[in-house]
Amino acid sequence: GIAISPNLYIAVGISGAIQHLAGVSSSKVIVVINKDPEA
């Protein structure tokens, strides 16, 4: 999709597959909200 590099990335209900991480890993700060502690 679109590769982004924001100052703050808030991921809600996203497990974090490697393909997703590849497009957002340049974010300065990443906040994750997920009910699965093993995500």
PDB file of all heavy atoms in Angstrom:
ATOM      1  N   GLY A   1       0.829  -1.196   0.000  1.00  0.00           N
ATOM      2  CA  GLY A   1       0.000   0.000   0.000  1.00  0.00           C
ATOM      3  C   GLY A   1       0.863   1.245   0.000  1.00  0.00           C
ATOM      4  O   GLY A   1       1.834   1.341  -0.745  1.00  0.00           O
ATOM      5  N   ILE A   2       0.537   2.182   0.864  1.00  0.00           N
ATOM      6  CA  ILE A   2       1.286   3.426   0.975  1.00  0.00           C
ATOM      7  C   ILE A   2       2.293   3.303   2.114  1.00  0.00           C
ATOM      8  O   ILE A   2       1.938   2.902   3.225  1.00  0.00           O
ATOM      9  CB  ILE A   2       0.333   4.614   1.242  1.00  0.00           C
ATOM     10  CG1 ILE A   2      -0.666   4.765   0.082  1.00  0.00           C
ATOM     11  CG2 ILE A   2       1.115   5.905   1.437  1.00  0.00           C
ATOM     12  CD1 ILE A   2      -1.748   5.784   0.344  1.00  0.00           C
ATOM     13  N   ALA A   3       3.535   3.621   1.830  1.00  0.00           N
ATOM     14  CA  ALA A   3       4.564   3.646   2.872  1.00  0.00           C
ATOM     15  C   ALA A   3       4.546   5.024   3.526  1.00  0.00           C
ATOM     16  O   ALA A   3       4.534   6.047   2.834  1.00  0.00           O
ATOM     17  CB  ALA A   3       5.935   3.363   2.277  1.00  0.00           C
ATOM     18  N   ILE A   4       4.508   5.059   4.841  1.00  0.00           N
ATOM     19  CA  ILE A   4       4.394   6.333   5.553  1.00  0.00           C
ATOM     20  C   ILE A   4       5.490   6.452   6.615  1.00  0.00           C
ATOM     21  O   ILE A   4       6.073   5.455   7.039  1.00  0.00           O
ATOM     22  CB  ILE A   4       3.009   6.491   6.211  1.00  0.00           C
ATOM     23  CG1 ILE A   4       2.734   5.342   7.194  1.00  0.00           C
ATOM     24  CG2 ILE A   4       1.905   6.571   5.153  1.00  0.00           C
ATOM     25  CD1 ILE A   4       1.460   5.502   8.005  1.00  0.00           C
ATOM     26  N   SER A   5       5.737   7.667   7.046  1.00  0.00           N
ATOM     27  CA  SER A   5       6.740   7.903   8.091  1.00  0.00           C
ATOM     28  C   SER A   5       6.301   9.052   8.992  1.00  0.00           C
ATOM     29  O   SER A   5       6.982  10.083   9.076  1.00  0.00           O
ATOM     30  CB  SER A   5       8.098   8.210   7.465  1.00  0.00           C
ATOM     31  OG  SER A   5       7.980   9.276   6.533  1.00  0.00           O
ATOM     32  N   PRO A   6       5.143   8.914   9.644  1.00  0.00           N
ATOM     33  CA  PRO A   6       4.652   9.994  10.499  1.00  0.00           C
ATOM     34  C   PRO A   6       5.455  10.099  11.800  1.00  0.00           C
ATOM     35  O   PRO A   6       6.228   9.205  12.144  1.00  0.00           O
ATOM     36  CB  PRO A   6       3.205   9.574  10.779  1.00  0.00           C
ATOM     37  CG  PRO A   6       3.261   8.073  10.733  1.00  0.00           C
ATOM     38  CD  PRO A   6       4.250   7.752   9.650  1.00  0.00           C
ATOM     39  N   ASN A   7       5.226  11.178  12.520  1.00  0.00           N
ATOM     40  CA  ASN A   7       5.847  11.321  13.835  1.00  0.00           C
ATOM     41  C   ASN A   7       5.185  10.385  14.841  1.00  0.00           C
ATOM     42  O   ASN A   7       5.836   9.926  15.780  1.00  0.00           O
ATOM     43  CB  ASN A   7       5.745  12.767  14.319  1.00  0.00           C
ATOM     44  CG  ASN A   7       6.580  13.715  13.477  1.00  0.00           C
ATOM     45  OD1 ASN A   7       7.633  13.326  12.973  1.00  0.00           O
ATOM     46  ND2 ASN A   7       6.118  14.934  13.292  1.00  0.00           N
ATOM     47  N   LEU A   8       3.888  10.120  14.636  1.00  0.00           N
ATOM     48  CA  LEU A   8       3.147   9.229  15.538  1.00  0.00           C
ATOM     49  C   LEU A   8       2.210   8.334  14.736  1.00  0.00           C
ATOM     50  O   LEU A   8       1.419   8.830  13.932  1.00  0.00           O
ATOM     51  CB  LEU A   8       2.330  10.053  16.546  1.00  0.00           C
ATOM     52  CG  LEU A   8       1.365   9.289  17.466  1.00  0.00           C
ATOM     53  CD1 LEU A   8       2.115   8.304  18.353  1.00  0.00           C
ATOM     54  CD2 LEU A   8       0.546  10.259  18.311  1.00  0.00           C
ATOM     55  N   TYR A   9       2.319   7.028  14.927  1.00  0.00           N
ATOM     56  CA  TYR A   9       1.443   6.057  14.262  1.00  0.00           C
ATOM     57  C   TYR A   9       0.705   5.262  15.339  1.00  0.00           C
ATOM     58  O   TYR A   9       1.331   4.599  16.172  1.00  0.00           O
ATOM     59  CB  TYR A   9       2.246   5.111  13.371  1.00  0.00           C
ATOM     60  CG  TYR A   9       1.396   4.090  12.632  1.00  0.00           C
ATOM     61  CD1 TYR A   9       0.541   4.493  11.609  1.00  0.00           C
ATOM     62  CD2 TYR A   9       1.449   2.736  12.957  1.00  0.00           C
ATOM     63  CE1 TYR A   9      -0.242   3.575  10.926  1.00  0.00           C
ATOM     64  CE2 TYR A   9       0.675   1.811  12.265  1.00  0.00           C
ATOM     65  CZ  TYR A   9      -0.175   2.228  11.270  1.00  0.00           C
ATOM     66  OH  TYR A   9      -0.955   1.319  10.594  1.00  0.00           O
ATOM     67  N   ILE A  10      -0.617   5.338  15.348  1.00  0.00           N
ATOM     68  CA  ILE A  10      -1.440   4.631  16.319  1.00  0.00           C
ATOM     69  C   ILE A  10      -2.156   3.491  15.597  1.00  0.00           C
ATOM     70  O   ILE A  10      -2.978   3.736  14.705  1.00  0.00           O
ATOM     71  CB  ILE A  10      -2.469   5.567  16.983  1.00  0.00           C
ATOM     72  CG1 ILE A  10      -1.741   6.739  17.664  1.00  0.00           C
ATOM     73  CG2 ILE A  10      -3.316   4.813  18.000  1.00  0.00           C
ATOM     74  CD1 ILE A  10      -2.683   7.792  18.239  1.00  0.00           C
ATOM     75  N   ALA A  11      -1.827   2.259  15.949  1.00  0.00           N
ATOM     76  CA  ALA A  11      -2.404   1.075  15.300  1.00  0.00           C
ATOM     77  C   ALA A  11      -3.434   0.454  16.235  1.00  0.00           C
ATOM     78  O   ALA A  11      -3.101   0.034  17.347  1.00  0.00           O
ATOM     79  CB  ALA A  11      -1.312   0.072  14.970  1.00  0.00           C
ATOM     80  N   VAL A  12      -4.661   0.382  15.764  1.00  0.00           N
ATOM     81  CA  VAL A  12      -5.762  -0.136  16.584  1.00  0.00           C
ATOM     82  C   VAL A  12      -6.275  -1.446  15.985  1.00  0.00           C
ATOM     83  O   VAL A  12      -6.746  -1.466  14.844  1.00  0.00           O
ATOM     84  CB  VAL A  12      -6.918   0.886  16.664  1.00  0.00           C
ATOM     85  CG1 VAL A  12      -8.036   0.367  17.560  1.00  0.00           C
ATOM     86  CG2 VAL A  12      -6.414   2.235  17.159  1.00  0.00           C
ATOM     87  N   GLY A  13      -6.151  -2.528  16.721  1.00  0.00           N
ATOM     88  CA  GLY A  13      -6.668  -3.808  16.241  1.00  0.00           C
ATOM     89  C   GLY A  13      -5.930  -4.364  15.050  1.00  0.00           C
ATOM     90  O   GLY A  13      -6.516  -5.058  14.214  1.00  0.00           O
ATOM     91  N   ILE A  14      -4.617  -4.072  14.944  1.00  0.00           N
ATOM     92  CA  ILE A  14      -3.782  -4.576  13.857  1.00  0.00           C
ATOM     93  C   ILE A  14      -2.725  -5.485  14.462  1.00  0.00           C
ATOM     94  O   ILE A  14      -1.987  -5.075  15.367  1.00  0.00           O
ATOM     95  CB  ILE A  14      -3.108  -3.429  13.081  1.00  0.00           C
ATOM     96  CG1 ILE A  14      -4.154  -2.475  12.490  1.00  0.00           C
ATOM     97  CG2 ILE A  14      -2.223  -3.979  11.966  1.00  0.00           C
ATOM     98  CD1 ILE A  14      -3.566  -1.252  11.810  1.00  0.00           C
ATOM     99  N   SER A  15      -2.631  -6.710  13.977  1.00  0.00           N
ATOM    100  CA  SER A  15      -1.710  -7.678  14.576  1.00  0.00           C
ATOM    101  C   SER A  15      -0.251  -7.349  14.277  1.00  0.00           C
ATOM    102  O   SER A  15       0.633  -7.580  15.093  1.00  0.00           O
ATOM    103  CB  SER A  15      -2.029  -9.094  14.081  1.00  0.00           C
ATOM    104  OG  SER A  15      -1.861  -9.171  12.667  1.00  0.00           O
ATOM    105  N   GLY A  16       0.005  -6.807  13.080  1.00  0.00           N
ATOM    106  CA  GLY A  16       1.369  -6.417  12.736  1.00  0.00           C
ATOM    107  C   GLY A  16       2.093  -7.409  11.856  1.00  0.00           C
ATOM    108  O   GLY A  16       3.233  -7.789  12.140  1.00  0.00           O
ATOM    109  N   ALA A  17       1.454  -7.824  10.771  1.00  0.00           N
ATOM    110  CA  ALA A  17       2.116  -8.712   9.808  1.00  0.00           C
ATOM    111  C   ALA A  17       3.313  -7.986   9.209  1.00  0.00           C
ATOM    112  O   ALA A  17       3.347  -6.755   9.136  1.00  0.00           O
ATOM    113  CB  ALA A  17       1.138  -9.112   8.702  1.00  0.00           C
ATOM    114  N   ILE A  18       4.306  -8.750   8.755  1.00  0.00           N
ATOM    115  CA  ILE A  18       5.554  -8.167   8.268  1.00  0.00           C
ATOM    116  C   ILE A  18       5.316  -7.215   7.109  1.00  0.00           C
ATOM    117  O   ILE A  18       5.997  -6.191   6.968  1.00  0.00           O
ATOM    118  CB  ILE A  18       6.553  -9.285   7.865  1.00  0.00           C
ATOM    119  CG1 ILE A  18       7.931  -8.693   7.587  1.00  0.00           C
ATOM    120  CG2 ILE A  18       6.036 -10.087   6.676  1.00  0.00           C
ATOM    121  CD1 ILE A  18       8.612  -8.101   8.780  1.00  0.00           C
ATOM    122  N   GLN A  19       4.313  -7.503   6.268  1.00  0.00           N
ATOM    123  CA  GLN A  19       4.024  -6.627   5.129  1.00  0.00           C
ATOM    124  C   GLN A  19       3.506  -5.268   5.601  1.00  0.00           C
ATOM    125  O   GLN A  19       3.775  -4.238   4.995  1.00  0.00           O
ATOM    126  CB  GLN A  19       2.995  -7.274   4.188  1.00  0.00           C
ATOM    127  CG  GLN A  19       3.501  -8.498   3.463  1.00  0.00           C
ATOM    128  CD  GLN A  19       3.318  -9.775   4.266  1.00  0.00           C
ATOM    129  OE1 GLN A  19       2.944  -9.735   5.444  1.00  0.00           O
ATOM    130  NE2 GLN A  19       3.563 -10.907   3.636  1.00  0.00           N
ATOM    131  N   HIS A  20       2.742  -5.286   6.693  1.00  0.00           N
ATOM    132  CA  HIS A  20       2.234  -4.022   7.231  1.00  0.00           C
ATOM    133  C   HIS A  20       3.377  -3.237   7.871  1.00  0.00           C
ATOM    134  O   HIS A  20       3.517  -2.030   7.658  1.00  0.00           O
ATOM    135  CB  HIS A  20       1.128  -4.286   8.257  1.00  0.00           C
ATOM    136  CG  HIS A  20       0.475  -3.037   8.767  1.00  0.00           C
ATOM    137  ND1 HIS A  20      -0.515  -2.370   8.072  1.00  0.00           N
ATOM    138  CD2 HIS A  20       0.692  -2.300   9.892  1.00  0.00           C
ATOM    139  CE1 HIS A  20      -0.890  -1.297   8.747  1.00  0.00           C
ATOM    140  NE2 HIS A  20      -0.168  -1.230   9.859  1.00  0.00           N
ATOM    141  N   LEU A  21       4.189  -3.930   8.646  1.00  0.00           N
ATOM    142  CA  LEU A  21       5.309  -3.281   9.325  1.00  0.00           C
ATOM    143  C   LEU A  21       6.259  -2.614   8.336  1.00  0.00           C
ATOM    144  O   LEU A  21       6.825  -1.563   8.623  1.00  0.00           O
ATOM    145  CB  LEU A  21       6.078  -4.293  10.172  1.00  0.00           C
ATOM    146  CG  LEU A  21       5.333  -4.894  11.372  1.00  0.00           C
ATOM    147  CD1 LEU A  21       6.210  -5.918  12.069  1.00  0.00           C
ATOM    148  CD2 LEU A  21       4.919  -3.797  12.343  1.00  0.00           C
ATOM    149  N   ALA A  22       6.424  -3.228   7.171  1.00  0.00           N
ATOM    150  CA  ALA A  22       7.343  -2.690   6.170  1.00  0.00           C
ATOM    151  C   ALA A  22       6.942  -1.291   5.725  1.00  0.00           C
ATOM    152  O   ALA A  22       7.790  -0.487   5.358  1.00  0.00           O
ATOM    153  CB  ALA A  22       7.404  -3.617   4.963  1.00  0.00           C
ATOM    154  N   GLY A  23       5.656  -1.001   5.761  1.00  0.00           N
ATOM    155  CA  GLY A  23       5.185   0.305   5.295  1.00  0.00           C
ATOM    156  C   GLY A  23       5.076   1.358   6.369  1.00  0.00           C
ATOM    157  O   GLY A  23       4.865   2.535   6.067  1.00  0.00           O
ATOM    158  N   VAL A  24       5.219   0.975   7.645  1.00  0.00           N
ATOM    159  CA  VAL A  24       5.031   1.942   8.736  1.00  0.00           C
ATOM    160  C   VAL A  24       6.224   2.007   9.691  1.00  0.00           C
ATOM    161  O   VAL A  24       6.215   2.804  10.623  1.00  0.00           O
ATOM    162  CB  VAL A  24       3.747   1.625   9.544  1.00  0.00           C
ATOM    163  CG1 VAL A  24       2.528   1.574   8.628  1.00  0.00           C
ATOM    164  CG2 VAL A  24       3.877   0.311  10.321  1.00  0.00           C
ATOM    165  N   SER A  25       7.228   1.172   9.464  1.00  0.00           N
ATOM    166  CA  SER A  25       8.336   1.070  10.418  1.00  0.00           C
ATOM    167  C   SER A  25       9.188   2.334  10.504  1.00  0.00           C
ATOM    168  O   SER A  25       9.976   2.486  11.442  1.00  0.00           O
ATOM    169  CB  SER A  25       9.230  -0.127  10.076  1.00  0.00           C
ATOM    170  OG  SER A  25       9.748   0.006   8.769  1.00  0.00           O
ATOM    171  N   SER A  26       9.043   3.244   9.528  1.00  0.00           N
ATOM    172  CA  SER A  26       9.799   4.497   9.580  1.00  0.00           C
ATOM    173  C   SER A  26       9.133   5.532  10.483  1.00  0.00           C
ATOM    174  O   SER A  26       9.657   6.639  10.652  1.00  0.00           O
ATOM    175  CB  SER A  26       9.963   5.079   8.170  1.00  0.00           C
ATOM    176  OG  SER A  26      10.781   4.252   7.378  1.00  0.00           O
ATOM    177  N   SER A  27       7.990   5.182  11.076  1.00  0.00           N
ATOM    178  CA  SER A  27       7.306   6.098  11.993  1.00  0.00           C
ATOM    179  C   SER A  27       8.211   6.367  13.194  1.00  0.00           C
ATOM    180  O   SER A  27       8.863   5.461  13.709  1.00  0.00           O
ATOM    181  CB  SER A  27       5.990   5.486  12.473  1.00  0.00           C
ATOM    182  OG  SER A  27       5.177   5.110  11.377  1.00  0.00           O
ATOM    183  N   LYS A  28       8.230   7.606  13.657  1.00  0.00           N
ATOM    184  CA  LYS A  28       9.111   7.951  14.779  1.00  0.00           C
ATOM    185  C   LYS A  28       8.630   7.300  16.079  1.00  0.00           C
ATOM    186  O   LYS A  28       9.426   6.810  16.881  1.00  0.00           O
ATOM    187  CB  LYS A  28       9.187   9.461  14.929  1.00  0.00           C
ATOM    188  CG  LYS A  28       9.986  10.141  13.820  1.00  0.00           C
ATOM    189  CD  LYS A  28      10.144  11.616  14.086  1.00  0.00           C
ATOM    190  CE  LYS A  28      11.067  12.267  13.042  1.00  0.00           C
ATOM    191  NZ  LYS A  28      10.528  12.186  11.687  1.00  0.00           N
ATOM    192  N   VAL A  29       7.319   7.312  16.316  1.00  0.00           N
ATOM    193  CA  VAL A  29       6.746   6.685  17.511  1.00  0.00           C
ATOM    194  C   VAL A  29       5.558   5.825  17.083  1.00  0.00           C
ATOM    195  O   VAL A  29       4.680   6.292  16.349  1.00  0.00           O
ATOM    196  CB  VAL A  29       6.276   7.733  18.542  1.00  0.00           C
ATOM    197  CG1 VAL A  29       5.596   7.054  19.732  1.00  0.00           C
ATOM    198  CG2 VAL A  29       7.444   8.583  19.029  1.00  0.00           C
ATOM    199  N   ILE A  30       5.540   4.571  17.538  1.00  0.00           N
ATOM    200  CA  ILE A  30       4.452   3.645  17.211  1.00  0.00           C
ATOM    201  C   ILE A  30       3.726   3.250  18.494  1.00  0.00           C
ATOM    202  O   ILE A  30       4.356   2.795  19.458  1.00  0.00           O
ATOM    203  CB  ILE A  30       4.984   2.380  16.502  1.00  0.00           C
ATOM    204  CG1 ILE A  30       5.598   2.744  15.143  1.00  0.00           C
ATOM    205  CG2 ILE A  30       3.856   1.349  16.308  1.00  0.00           C
ATOM    206  CD1 ILE A  30       6.240   1.571  14.415  1.00  0.00           C
ATOM    207  N   VAL A  31       2.411   3.437  18.488  1.00  0.00           N
ATOM    208  CA  VAL A  31       1.560   3.040  19.612  1.00  0.00           C
ATOM    209  C   VAL A  31       0.620   1.947  19.128  1.00  0.00           C
ATOM    210  O   VAL A  31      -0.065   2.119  18.111  1.00  0.00           O
ATOM    211  CB  VAL A  31       0.738   4.236  20.150  1.00  0.00           C
ATOM    212  CG1 VAL A  31      -0.202   3.778  21.264  1.00  0.00           C
ATOM    213  CG2 VAL A  31       1.665   5.336  20.654  1.00  0.00           C
ATOM    214  N   VAL A  32       0.593   0.829  19.839  1.00  0.00           N
ATOM    215  CA  VAL A  32      -0.236  -0.309  19.436  1.00  0.00           C
ATOM    216  C   VAL A  32      -1.300  -0.584  20.489  1.00  0.00           C
ATOM    217  O   VAL A  32      -1.006  -0.645  21.687  1.00  0.00           O
ATOM    218  CB  VAL A  32       0.644  -1.571  19.235  1.00  0.00           C
ATOM    219  CG1 VAL A  32      -0.226  -2.801  18.998  1.00  0.00           C
ATOM    220  CG2 VAL A  32       1.607  -1.365  18.068  1.00  0.00           C
ATOM    221  N   ILE A  33      -2.535  -0.745  20.018  1.00  0.00           N
ATOM    222  CA  ILE A  33      -3.658  -1.117  20.890  1.00  0.00           C
ATOM    223  C   ILE A  33      -4.211  -2.439  20.369  1.00  0.00           C
ATOM    224  O   ILE A  33      -4.734  -2.510  19.254  1.00  0.00           O
ATOM    225  CB  ILE A  33      -4.762  -0.031  20.878  1.00  0.00           C
ATOM    226  CG1 ILE A  33      -4.188   1.312  21.339  1.00  0.00           C
ATOM    227  CG2 ILE A  33      -5.938  -0.446  21.749  1.00  0.00           C
ATOM    228  CD1 ILE A  33      -5.128   2.490  21.100  1.00  0.00           C
ATOM    229  N   ASN A  34      -4.083  -3.499  21.165  1.00  0.00           N
ATOM    230  CA  ASN A  34      -4.523  -4.820  20.732  1.00  0.00           C
ATOM    231  C   ASN A  34      -4.803  -5.678  21.957  1.00  0.00           C
ATOM    232  O   ASN A  34      -4.056  -5.628  22.935  1.00  0.00           O
ATOM    233  CB  ASN A  34      -3.453  -5.480  19.851  1.00  0.00           C
ATOM    234  CG  ASN A  34      -3.992  -6.579  18.971  1.00  0.00           C
ATOM    235  OD1 ASN A  34      -4.541  -7.559  19.468  1.00  0.00           O
ATOM    236  ND2 ASN A  34      -3.851  -6.421  17.665  1.00  0.00           N
ATOM    237  N   LYS A  35      -5.862  -6.470  21.887  1.00  0.00           N
ATOM    238  CA  LYS A  35      -6.204  -7.297  23.051  1.00  0.00           C
ATOM    239  C   LYS A  35      -5.372  -8.576  23.123  1.00  0.00           C
ATOM    240  O   LYS A  35      -5.391  -9.274  24.147  1.00  0.00           O
ATOM    241  CB  LYS A  35      -7.696  -7.632  23.037  1.00  0.00           C
ATOM    242  CG  LYS A  35      -8.169  -8.504  21.882  1.00  0.00           C
ATOM    243  CD  LYS A  35      -9.663  -8.747  21.989  1.00  0.00           C
ATOM    244  CE  LYS A  35     -10.182  -9.630  20.857  1.00  0.00           C
ATOM    245  NZ  LYS A  35     -11.642  -9.859  20.954  1.00  0.00           N
ATOM    246  N   ASP A  36      -4.637  -8.882  22.037  1.00  0.00           N
ATOM    247  CA  ASP A  36      -3.775 -10.064  22.027  1.00  0.00           C
ATOM    248  C   ASP A  36      -2.364  -9.673  22.470  1.00  0.00           C
ATOM    249  O   ASP A  36      -1.647  -9.001  21.731  1.00  0.00           O
ATOM    250  CB  ASP A  36      -3.728 -10.668  20.624  1.00  0.00           C
ATOM    251  CG  ASP A  36      -2.812 -11.888  20.529  1.00  0.00           C
ATOM    252  OD1 ASP A  36      -2.344 -12.361  21.588  1.00  0.00           O
ATOM    253  OD2 ASP A  36      -2.564 -12.346  19.396  1.00  0.00           O
ATOM    254  N   PRO A  37      -1.929 -10.085  23.649  1.00  0.00           N
ATOM    255  CA  PRO A  37      -0.596  -9.692  24.124  1.00  0.00           C
ATOM    256  C   PRO A  37       0.542 -10.276  23.291  1.00  0.00           C
ATOM    257  O   PRO A  37       1.681  -9.819  23.388  1.00  0.00           O
ATOM    258  CB  PRO A  37      -0.560 -10.231  25.563  1.00  0.00           C
ATOM    259  CG  PRO A  37      -1.559 -11.335  25.582  1.00  0.00           C
ATOM    260  CD  PRO A  37      -2.636 -10.929  24.625  1.00  0.00           C
ATOM    261  N   GLU A  38       0.231 -11.298  22.466  1.00  0.00           N
ATOM    262  CA  GLU A  38       1.254 -11.930  21.627  1.00  0.00           C
ATOM    263  C   GLU A  38       1.286 -11.353  20.213  1.00  0.00           C
ATOM    264  O   GLU A  38       1.999 -11.877  19.348  1.00  0.00           O
ATOM    265  CB  GLU A  38       0.990 -13.449  21.544  1.00  0.00           C
ATOM    266  CG  GLU A  38       1.000 -14.165  22.882  1.00  0.00           C
ATOM    267  CD  GLU A  38       2.333 -14.023  23.598  1.00  0.00           C
ATOM    268  OE1 GLU A  38       3.383 -14.086  22.917  1.00  0.00           O
ATOM    269  OE2 GLU A  38       2.329 -13.831  24.833  1.00  0.00           O
ATOM    270  N   ALA A  39       0.524 -10.306  19.967  1.00  0.00           N
ATOM    271  CA  ALA A  39       0.503  -9.694  18.632  1.00  0.00           C
ATOM    272  C   ALA A  39       1.915  -9.234  18.255  1.00  0.00           C
ATOM    273  O   ALA A  39       2.593  -8.573  19.053  1.00  0.00           O
ATOM    274  CB  ALA A  39      -0.451  -8.510  18.600  1.00  0.00           C
TER     275      ALA A  39
END
